[in-house]
């Protein structure tokens, strides 16, 4: 192992506090690529962007639980260091489980419509979510489910919890960060898809977006929903 290779990995460990298997692989492929990846990942995942530290690490718990990423267990430590307690860990697990199952409400709304005249599936889903996490504010539920549904490529869920985020007064930058945190554990294509759904909601007037986000939608893009 060359001194430069070892030094690069030690630098990555010092920045993160840990190493994962792909860090060495990236550096073997290209030190420049490894450093660019570390800079981009570290800037989004490990440094302040828009979300407060405890809120951000709570979302990381939800995301890593919903995708089943055991290698991201360091986020449990980071959440505790940011002031989170075991109650928050359990709430994140409940939200991850809810995200994995929430499409059953969509299923029932379509498949059982004839047997359930007048039934309001979105209201039933909202009631179930509140019953599952009664201590959480609507803003945290919306952010967590937005992140989880982005990671799962759940189009209906992304749309629903974008609307819920706006209704709860969540800052758009917070919602953007919640989506973007899923890039590394769940893949960029899912974020591209979710961003297209968001653009569609803004373009249709379904949500009251800020001037900056309306300007984003005015420029056509590949992959728009």
C-alpha atoms as a PDB file:
ATOM      1  CA  UNK A   1       0.000   0.000   0.000  1.00  0.00           C
ATOM      2  CA  UNK A   2       1.541   3.327  -1.071  1.00  0.00           C
ATOM      3  CA  UNK A   3       2.070   6.141   1.391  1.00  0.00           C
ATOM      4  CA  UNK A   4      -0.183   8.430  -0.678  1.00  0.00           C
ATOM      5  CA  UNK A   5      -2.992   5.869  -0.716  1.00  0.00           C
ATOM      6  CA  UNK A   6      -2.743   5.302   3.029  1.00  0.00           C
ATOM      7  CA  UNK A   7      -2.574   9.046   3.712  1.00  0.00           C
ATOM      8  CA  UNK A   8      -5.685   9.634   1.622  1.00  0.00           C
ATOM      9  CA  UNK A   9      -7.653   7.039   3.555  1.00  0.00           C
ATOM     10  CA  UNK A  10      -6.443   8.389   6.886  1.00  0.00           C
ATOM     11  CA  UNK A  11      -7.553  11.869   5.832  1.00  0.00           C
ATOM     12  CA  UNK A  12     -10.999  10.523   4.917  1.00  0.00           C
ATOM     13  CA  UNK A  13     -11.215   8.737   8.275  1.00  0.00           C
ATOM     14  CA  UNK A  14     -10.246  11.921  10.106  1.00  0.00           C
ATOM     15  CA  UNK A  15     -12.980  13.907   8.339  1.00  0.00           C
ATOM     16  CA  UNK A  16     -15.739  11.334   8.851  1.00  0.00           C
ATOM     17  CA  UNK A  17     -14.632   9.520  11.958  1.00  0.00           C
ATOM     18  CA  UNK A  18     -14.923   6.163  10.157  1.00  0.00           C
ATOM     19  CA  UNK A  19     -14.173   4.393   6.856  1.00  0.00           C
ATOM     20  CA  UNK A  20     -16.515   2.341   4.678  1.00  0.00           C
ATOM     21  CA  UNK A  21     -15.412  -0.300   2.140  1.00  0.00           C
ATOM     22  CA  UNK A  22     -15.954   1.880  -0.929  1.00  0.00           C
ATOM     23  CA  UNK A  23     -13.641   4.656   0.260  1.00  0.00           C
ATOM     24  CA  UNK A  24     -10.540   2.662  -0.595  1.00  0.00           C
ATOM     25  CA  UNK A  25     -12.082   1.452  -3.857  1.00  0.00           C
ATOM     26  CA  UNK A  26     -12.789   5.015  -4.991  1.00  0.00           C
ATOM     27  CA  UNK A  27      -9.234   6.038  -4.146  1.00  0.00           C
ATOM     28  CA  UNK A  28      -7.784   3.058  -6.022  1.00  0.00           C
ATOM     29  CA  UNK A  29      -9.842   4.063  -9.050  1.00  0.00           C
ATOM     30  CA  UNK A  30      -8.919   7.743  -8.929  1.00  0.00           C
ATOM     31  CA  UNK A  31      -7.679   9.876  -6.040  1.00  0.00           C
ATOM     32  CA  UNK A  32      -9.229  12.940  -7.688  1.00  0.00           C
ATOM     33  CA  UNK A  33     -12.609  11.222  -7.902  1.00  0.00           C
ATOM     34  CA  UNK A  34     -12.332  10.026  -4.293  1.00  0.00           C
ATOM     35  CA  UNK A  35     -11.592  13.538  -3.079  1.00  0.00           C
ATOM     36  CA  UNK A  36     -14.406  15.072  -5.144  1.00  0.00           C
ATOM     37  CA  UNK A  37     -16.828  12.495  -3.766  1.00  0.00           C
ATOM     38  CA  UNK A  38     -15.677  13.141  -0.204  1.00  0.00           C
ATOM     39  CA  UNK A  39     -16.105  16.880  -0.663  1.00  0.00           C
ATOM     40  CA  UNK A  40     -19.613  16.557  -2.120  1.00  0.00           C
ATOM     41  CA  UNK A  41     -20.812  13.921   0.338  1.00  0.00           C
ATOM     42  CA  UNK A  42     -19.275  15.641   3.334  1.00  0.00           C
ATOM     43  CA  UNK A  43     -20.754  19.008   2.420  1.00  0.00           C
ATOM     44  CA  UNK A  44     -24.287  17.622   2.214  1.00  0.00           C
ATOM     45  CA  UNK A  45     -24.297  14.797   4.722  1.00  0.00           C
ATOM     46  CA  UNK A  46     -21.956  15.865   7.497  1.00  0.00           C
ATOM     47  CA  UNK A  47     -21.968  19.666   7.497  1.00  0.00           C
ATOM     48  CA  UNK A  48     -24.762  22.194   8.128  1.00  0.00           C
ATOM     49  CA  UNK A  49     -26.759  23.107   5.022  1.00  0.00           C
ATOM     50  CA  UNK A  50     -30.340  24.147   5.834  1.00  0.00           C
ATOM     51  CA  UNK A  51     -31.584  21.691   8.460  1.00  0.00           C
ATOM     52  CA  UNK A  52     -30.697  21.977  12.163  1.00  0.00           C
ATOM     53  CA  UNK A  53     -28.328  19.212  13.283  1.00  0.00           C
ATOM     54  CA  UNK A  54     -30.829  17.159  15.297  1.00  0.00           C
ATOM     55  CA  UNK A  55     -33.478  17.409  12.556  1.00  0.00           C
ATOM     56  CA  UNK A  56     -30.963  16.328   9.936  1.00  0.00           C
ATOM     57  CA  UNK A  57     -29.739  13.336  11.900  1.00  0.00           C
ATOM     58  CA  UNK A  58     -33.336  12.312  12.639  1.00  0.00           C
ATOM     59  CA  UNK A  59     -33.963  12.227   8.891  1.00  0.00           C
ATOM     60  CA  UNK A  60     -30.818  10.161   8.445  1.00  0.00           C
ATOM     61  CA  UNK A  61     -32.235   7.584  10.854  1.00  0.00           C
ATOM     62  CA  UNK A  62     -35.472   7.395   8.860  1.00  0.00           C
ATOM     63  CA  UNK A  63     -33.647   7.133   5.530  1.00  0.00           C
ATOM     64  CA  UNK A  64     -31.138   4.500   6.609  1.00  0.00           C
ATOM     65  CA  UNK A  65     -33.883   2.453   8.265  1.00  0.00           C
ATOM     66  CA  UNK A  66     -36.177   2.569   5.246  1.00  0.00           C
ATOM     67  CA  UNK A  67     -33.415   1.474   2.854  1.00  0.00           C
ATOM     68  CA  UNK A  68     -31.926  -1.012   5.338  1.00  0.00           C
ATOM     69  CA  UNK A  69     -28.408   0.449   5.310  1.00  0.00           C
ATOM     70  CA  UNK A  70     -26.559  -1.206   8.186  1.00  0.00           C
ATOM     71  CA  UNK A  71     -23.289   0.507   7.218  1.00  0.00           C
ATOM     72  CA  UNK A  72     -24.867   3.878   8.066  1.00  0.00           C
ATOM     73  CA  UNK A  73     -25.250   3.024  11.746  1.00  0.00           C
ATOM     74  CA  UNK A  74     -22.898   5.894  12.606  1.00  0.00           C
ATOM     75  CA  UNK A  75     -25.910   8.166  12.132  1.00  0.00           C
ATOM     76  CA  UNK A  76     -27.394   6.721  15.318  1.00  0.00           C
ATOM     77  CA  UNK A  77     -24.339   8.000  17.169  1.00  0.00           C
ATOM     78  CA  UNK A  78     -24.522  11.344  15.384  1.00  0.00           C
ATOM     79  CA  UNK A  79     -28.213  11.678  16.263  1.00  0.00           C
ATOM     80  CA  UNK A  80     -27.497  11.028  19.935  1.00  0.00           C
ATOM     81  CA  UNK A  81     -24.598  13.503  19.850  1.00  0.00           C
ATOM     82  CA  UNK A  82     -26.949  16.110  18.335  1.00  0.00           C
ATOM     83  CA  UNK A  83     -29.257  15.761  21.336  1.00  0.00           C
ATOM     84  CA  UNK A  84     -31.648  13.051  20.177  1.00  0.00           C
ATOM     85  CA  UNK A  85     -32.941  10.426  22.581  1.00  0.00           C
ATOM     86  CA  UNK A  86     -34.136   6.850  22.307  1.00  0.00           C
ATOM     87  CA  UNK A  87     -37.698   8.118  21.841  1.00  0.00           C
ATOM     88  CA  UNK A  88     -36.556   9.819  18.650  1.00  0.00           C
ATOM     89  CA  UNK A  89     -34.841   6.663  17.431  1.00  0.00           C
ATOM     90  CA  UNK A  90     -38.062   4.719  17.963  1.00  0.00           C
ATOM     91  CA  UNK A  91     -40.100   7.424  16.221  1.00  0.00           C
ATOM     92  CA  UNK A  92     -37.749   7.250  13.227  1.00  0.00           C
ATOM     93  CA  UNK A  93     -38.230   3.482  13.038  1.00  0.00           C
ATOM     94  CA  UNK A  94     -42.001   3.882  13.174  1.00  0.00           C
ATOM     95  CA  UNK A  95     -41.877   6.416  10.356  1.00  0.00           C
ATOM     96  CA  UNK A  96     -39.657   4.148   8.263  1.00  0.00           C
ATOM     97  CA  UNK A  97     -42.122   1.306   8.757  1.00  0.00           C
ATOM     98  CA  UNK A  98     -45.026   3.577   7.878  1.00  0.00           C
ATOM     99  CA  UNK A  99     -43.273   4.687   4.681  1.00  0.00           C
ATOM    100  CA  UNK A 100     -42.827   1.066   3.648  1.00  0.00           C
ATOM    101  CA  UNK A 101     -46.538   0.337   4.142  1.00  0.00           C
ATOM    102  CA  UNK A 102     -48.354   3.602   3.399  1.00  0.00           C
ATOM    103  CA  UNK A 103     -49.122   2.653  -0.216  1.00  0.00           C
ATOM    104  CA  UNK A 104     -51.719   0.175   1.131  1.00  0.00           C
ATOM    105  CA  UNK A 105     -53.977   3.188   1.651  1.00  0.00           C
ATOM    106  CA  UNK A 106     -53.544   4.017  -2.051  1.00  0.00           C
ATOM    107  CA  UNK A 107     -54.293   0.390  -2.896  1.00  0.00           C
ATOM    108  CA  UNK A 108     -57.494   0.370  -0.851  1.00  0.00           C
ATOM    109  CA  UNK A 109     -58.626   3.688  -2.298  1.00  0.00           C
ATOM    110  CA  UNK A 110     -58.481   2.192  -5.780  1.00  0.00           C
ATOM    111  CA  UNK A 111     -59.246  -1.507  -5.309  1.00  0.00           C
ATOM    112  CA  UNK A 112     -61.913  -1.178  -2.626  1.00  0.00           C
ATOM    113  CA  UNK A 113     -63.594   1.992  -3.830  1.00  0.00           C
ATOM    114  CA  UNK A 114     -66.822   0.150  -4.661  1.00  0.00           C
ATOM    115  CA  UNK A 115     -66.997  -1.389  -1.209  1.00  0.00           C
ATOM    116  CA  UNK A 116     -66.114   1.806   0.670  1.00  0.00           C
ATOM    117  CA  UNK A 117     -68.259   4.608  -0.762  1.00  0.00           C
ATOM    118  CA  UNK A 118     -67.281   7.970   0.630  1.00  0.00           C
ATOM    119  CA  UNK A 119     -64.168   6.671   2.358  1.00  0.00           C
ATOM    120  CA  UNK A 120     -61.346   9.246   2.460  1.00  0.00           C
ATOM    121  CA  UNK A 121     -58.079   7.328   2.089  1.00  0.00           C
ATOM    122  CA  UNK A 122     -55.752  10.348   2.521  1.00  0.00           C
ATOM    123  CA  UNK A 123     -57.574  11.308   5.728  1.00  0.00           C
ATOM    124  CA  UNK A 124     -57.285   7.732   6.976  1.00  0.00           C
ATOM    125  CA  UNK A 125     -53.566   7.720   6.186  1.00  0.00           C
ATOM    126  CA  UNK A 126     -53.084  11.028   8.011  1.00  0.00           C
ATOM    127  CA  UNK A 127     -54.964   9.711  11.046  1.00  0.00           C
ATOM    128  CA  UNK A 128     -52.857   6.541  11.099  1.00  0.00           C
ATOM    129  CA  UNK A 129     -49.658   8.570  10.898  1.00  0.00           C
ATOM    130  CA  UNK A 130     -50.732  10.831  13.751  1.00  0.00           C
ATOM    131  CA  UNK A 131     -51.725   7.841  15.885  1.00  0.00           C
ATOM    132  CA  UNK A 132     -48.342   6.231  15.211  1.00  0.00           C
ATOM    133  CA  UNK A 133     -46.310   9.332  16.084  1.00  0.00           C
ATOM    134  CA  UNK A 134     -48.517  11.506  18.335  1.00  0.00           C
ATOM    135  CA  UNK A 135     -45.600  13.399  19.876  1.00  0.00           C
ATOM    136  CA  UNK A 136     -44.150  14.590  16.566  1.00  0.00           C
ATOM    137  CA  UNK A 137     -45.144  17.897  14.965  1.00  0.00           C
ATOM    138  CA  UNK A 138     -46.684  17.730  11.468  1.00  0.00           C
ATOM    139  CA  UNK A 139     -43.590  19.391  10.018  1.00  0.00           C
ATOM    140  CA  UNK A 140     -41.293  16.582  11.191  1.00  0.00           C
ATOM    141  CA  UNK A 141     -43.664  13.898   9.964  1.00  0.00           C
ATOM    142  CA  UNK A 142     -43.869  15.559   6.549  1.00  0.00           C
ATOM    143  CA  UNK A 143     -40.087  15.910   6.214  1.00  0.00           C
ATOM    144  CA  UNK A 144     -39.437  12.350   7.321  1.00  0.00           C
ATOM    145  CA  UNK A 145     -42.021  10.840   4.989  1.00  0.00           C
ATOM    146  CA  UNK A 146     -40.839  13.043   2.119  1.00  0.00           C
ATOM    147  CA  UNK A 147     -37.304  11.717   2.565  1.00  0.00           C
ATOM    148  CA  UNK A 148     -38.446   8.119   2.978  1.00  0.00           C
ATOM    149  CA  UNK A 149     -40.789   8.222  -0.019  1.00  0.00           C
ATOM    150  CA  UNK A 150     -38.041   9.778  -2.139  1.00  0.00           C
ATOM    151  CA  UNK A 151     -35.725   6.931  -1.151  1.00  0.00           C
ATOM    152  CA  UNK A 152     -38.416   4.371  -2.020  1.00  0.00           C
ATOM    153  CA  UNK A 153     -39.390   6.085  -5.319  1.00  0.00           C
ATOM    154  CA  UNK A 154     -42.950   6.278  -4.010  1.00  0.00           C
ATOM    155  CA  UNK A 155     -44.437   8.881  -6.342  1.00  0.00           C
ATOM    156  CA  UNK A 156     -47.770   9.235  -4.564  1.00  0.00           C
ATOM    157  CA  UNK A 157     -45.993   9.506  -1.230  1.00  0.00           C
ATOM    158  CA  UNK A 158     -43.568  12.166  -2.466  1.00  0.00           C
ATOM    159  CA  UNK A 159     -46.461  14.221  -3.802  1.00  0.00           C
ATOM    160  CA  UNK A 160     -48.524  13.796  -0.641  1.00  0.00           C
ATOM    161  CA  UNK A 161     -45.745  14.785   1.728  1.00  0.00           C
ATOM    162  CA  UNK A 162     -44.584  17.711  -0.378  1.00  0.00           C
ATOM    163  CA  UNK A 163     -48.126  19.041  -0.058  1.00  0.00           C
ATOM    164  CA  UNK A 164     -48.069  18.226   3.656  1.00  0.00           C
ATOM    165  CA  UNK A 165     -44.772  20.054   4.049  1.00  0.00           C
ATOM    166  CA  UNK A 166     -46.139  23.209   2.473  1.00  0.00           C
ATOM    167  CA  UNK A 167     -49.310  22.927   4.563  1.00  0.00           C
ATOM    168  CA  UNK A 168     -47.204  22.642   7.726  1.00  0.00           C
ATOM    169  CA  UNK A 169     -45.094  25.661   6.788  1.00  0.00           C
ATOM    170  CA  UNK A 170     -41.876  23.706   6.265  1.00  0.00           C
ATOM    171  CA  UNK A 171     -39.134  25.729   4.607  1.00  0.00           C
ATOM    172  CA  UNK A 172     -38.521  24.709   1.007  1.00  0.00           C
ATOM    173  CA  UNK A 173     -34.784  24.453   1.664  1.00  0.00           C
ATOM    174  CA  UNK A 174     -35.516  21.918   4.406  1.00  0.00           C
ATOM    175  CA  UNK A 175     -37.633  19.849   2.018  1.00  0.00           C
ATOM    176  CA  UNK A 176     -34.925  20.049  -0.635  1.00  0.00           C
ATOM    177  CA  UNK A 177     -32.306  18.848   1.829  1.00  0.00           C
ATOM    178  CA  UNK A 178     -34.564  16.023   3.028  1.00  0.00           C
ATOM    179  CA  UNK A 179     -34.806  14.792  -0.564  1.00  0.00           C
ATOM    180  CA  UNK A 180     -31.122  15.247  -1.343  1.00  0.00           C
ATOM    181  CA  UNK A 181     -29.938  13.334   1.721  1.00  0.00           C
ATOM    182  CA  UNK A 182     -31.190  10.190  -0.018  1.00  0.00           C
ATOM    183  CA  UNK A 183     -28.721  10.526  -2.914  1.00  0.00           C
ATOM    184  CA  UNK A 184     -26.007   8.363  -1.363  1.00  0.00           C
ATOM    185  CA  UNK A 185     -28.076   5.622   0.332  1.00  0.00           C
ATOM    186  CA  UNK A 186     -30.863   5.335  -2.271  1.00  0.00           C
ATOM    187  CA  UNK A 187     -29.456   6.690  -5.532  1.00  0.00           C
ATOM    188  CA  UNK A 188     -29.566   9.877  -7.590  1.00  0.00           C
ATOM    189  CA  UNK A 189     -32.276   8.631 -10.017  1.00  0.00           C
ATOM    190  CA  UNK A 190     -34.799   8.603  -7.168  1.00  0.00           C
ATOM    191  CA  UNK A 191     -33.985  12.225  -6.332  1.00  0.00           C
ATOM    192  CA  UNK A 192     -34.262  13.178 -10.009  1.00  0.00           C
ATOM    193  CA  UNK A 193     -37.702  11.555 -10.062  1.00  0.00           C
ATOM    194  CA  UNK A 194     -38.841  13.282  -6.861  1.00  0.00           C
ATOM    195  CA  UNK A 195     -37.552  16.649  -8.069  1.00  0.00           C
ATOM    196  CA  UNK A 196     -39.593  16.226 -11.242  1.00  0.00           C
ATOM    197  CA  UNK A 197     -42.704  15.564  -9.167  1.00  0.00           C
ATOM    198  CA  UNK A 198     -42.021  18.695  -7.124  1.00  0.00           C
ATOM    199  CA  UNK A 199     -41.619  20.773 -10.273  1.00  0.00           C
ATOM    200  CA  UNK A 200     -44.945  19.419 -11.483  1.00  0.00           C
ATOM    201  CA  UNK A 201     -46.721  20.469  -8.295  1.00  0.00           C
ATOM    202  CA  UNK A 202     -45.290  23.970  -8.561  1.00  0.00           C
ATOM    203  CA  UNK A 203     -46.089  24.298 -12.265  1.00  0.00           C
ATOM    204  CA  UNK A 204     -49.703  23.223 -11.714  1.00  0.00           C
ATOM    205  CA  UNK A 205     -50.173  25.627  -8.813  1.00  0.00           C
ATOM    206  CA  UNK A 206     -50.920  22.806  -6.367  1.00  0.00           C
ATOM    207  CA  UNK A 207     -48.422  24.319  -3.903  1.00  0.00           C
ATOM    208  CA  UNK A 208     -47.570  27.949  -3.208  1.00  0.00           C
ATOM    209  CA  UNK A 209     -43.875  28.006  -3.980  1.00  0.00           C
ATOM    210  CA  UNK A 210     -41.429  30.822  -3.365  1.00  0.00           C
ATOM    211  CA  UNK A 211     -40.119  33.014  -6.174  1.00  0.00           C
ATOM    212  CA  UNK A 212     -36.849  31.079  -6.236  1.00  0.00           C
ATOM    213  CA  UNK A 213     -38.589  27.731  -6.634  1.00  0.00           C
ATOM    214  CA  UNK A 214     -40.976  29.096  -9.264  1.00  0.00           C
ATOM    215  CA  UNK A 215     -37.950  30.333 -11.209  1.00  0.00           C
ATOM    216  CA  UNK A 216     -36.525  26.799 -11.011  1.00  0.00           C
ATOM    217  CA  UNK A 217     -39.664  25.454 -12.696  1.00  0.00           C
ATOM    218  CA  UNK A 218     -39.622  28.043 -15.477  1.00  0.00           C
ATOM    219  CA  UNK A 219     -36.554  26.374 -16.985  1.00  0.00           C
ATOM    220  CA  UNK A 220     -37.623  23.127 -18.749  1.00  0.00           C
ATOM    221  CA  UNK A 221     -35.723  20.006 -17.724  1.00  0.00           C
ATOM    222  CA  UNK A 222     -35.473  16.390 -18.805  1.00  0.00           C
ATOM    223  CA  UNK A 223     -37.355  14.067 -16.487  1.00  0.00           C
ATOM    224  CA  UNK A 224     -40.115  16.457 -15.482  1.00  0.00           C
ATOM    225  CA  UNK A 225     -43.181  14.625 -14.185  1.00  0.00           C
END
